[in-house]
Protein backbone atom coordinates (compact mmCIF):
# COMPACT_ATOMS: atom_id res chain seq x y z
CA MET A 1 37.96 13.90 -13.88
CA PRO A 2 35.01 15.35 -11.88
CA THR A 3 33.68 18.80 -12.66
CA PRO A 4 35.38 21.33 -10.36
CA ALA A 5 33.29 23.25 -7.82
CA TRP A 6 33.90 26.90 -8.69
CA GLN A 7 33.65 29.52 -5.92
CA LYS A 8 32.81 33.12 -6.80
CA SER A 9 34.89 35.93 -5.31
CA SER A 10 33.35 37.51 -2.21
CA TYR A 11 34.11 40.93 -3.75
CA CYS A 12 31.84 40.26 -6.72
CA PRO A 13 28.41 41.83 -7.15
CA GLU A 14 25.55 39.71 -8.47
CA GLY A 15 26.05 38.29 -11.94
CA ASN A 16 28.74 36.31 -13.75
CA SER A 17 31.38 39.01 -14.48
CA CYS A 18 33.50 37.81 -11.60
CA VAL A 19 36.59 35.85 -10.69
CA HIS A 20 35.89 32.22 -9.83
CA VAL A 21 38.41 29.90 -8.17
CA THR A 22 38.75 26.17 -7.57
CA GLY A 23 41.49 23.83 -6.41
CA GLU A 24 42.68 20.51 -7.80
CA ARG A 25 43.29 18.01 -5.03
CA ALA A 26 45.58 15.73 -7.02
CA SER A 27 48.05 18.41 -8.12
CA GLY A 28 47.34 21.10 -5.53
CA ALA A 29 46.98 23.63 -8.38
CA ILE A 30 44.66 26.60 -8.07
CA ARG A 31 42.48 27.38 -11.10
CA LEU A 32 40.93 30.77 -11.87
CA THR A 33 38.40 31.86 -14.47
CA GLU A 34 37.04 35.34 -15.14
CA SER A 35 33.40 34.32 -15.42
CA GLY A 36 30.89 31.75 -14.27
CA ASP A 37 31.63 29.65 -17.39
CA PRO A 38 34.34 27.14 -16.40
CA SER A 39 34.84 26.29 -20.07
CA GLY A 40 36.12 29.84 -20.67
CA ALA A 41 39.69 31.07 -20.20
CA ILE A 42 41.31 29.36 -17.24
CA LEU A 43 44.55 30.31 -15.47
CA THR A 44 46.33 27.65 -13.40
CA ALA A 45 48.68 28.68 -10.58
CA ALA A 46 50.75 26.97 -7.92
CA PRO A 47 49.47 27.55 -4.36
CA ALA A 48 52.48 29.75 -3.46
CA ALA A 49 51.92 31.93 -6.55
CA PHE A 50 48.22 32.25 -5.71
CA ARG A 51 49.05 33.29 -2.11
CA SER A 52 51.42 35.93 -3.51
CA LEU A 53 48.70 37.20 -5.85
CA LEU A 54 46.20 37.47 -2.99
CA GLY A 55 48.77 39.23 -0.81
CA ALA A 56 49.48 41.78 -3.54
CA LEU A 57 45.77 42.36 -4.13
CA LYS A 58 45.13 42.90 -0.42
CA GLU A 59 47.86 45.51 -0.04
CA GLU A 60 46.49 49.02 0.08
CA ARG A 61 48.18 50.99 -2.67
CA PRO A 62 47.07 54.23 -4.31
CA ARG A 63 45.76 53.64 -7.80
CA ASP A 64 47.14 55.56 -10.75
């Protein structure tokens, strides 16, 4: 399997403490990692679940 091309979040400042995302063409799964090291912890989500996550993150809600 080829090495995935990770994309850093546009909301991330310089450095590697960021969310990175990639997609798997064969399965359609979305993969997320919390740093620039793709060998670190990786979360896999279905496209619909990822869209829901993005929608929730984009909603403007007061923080506690």
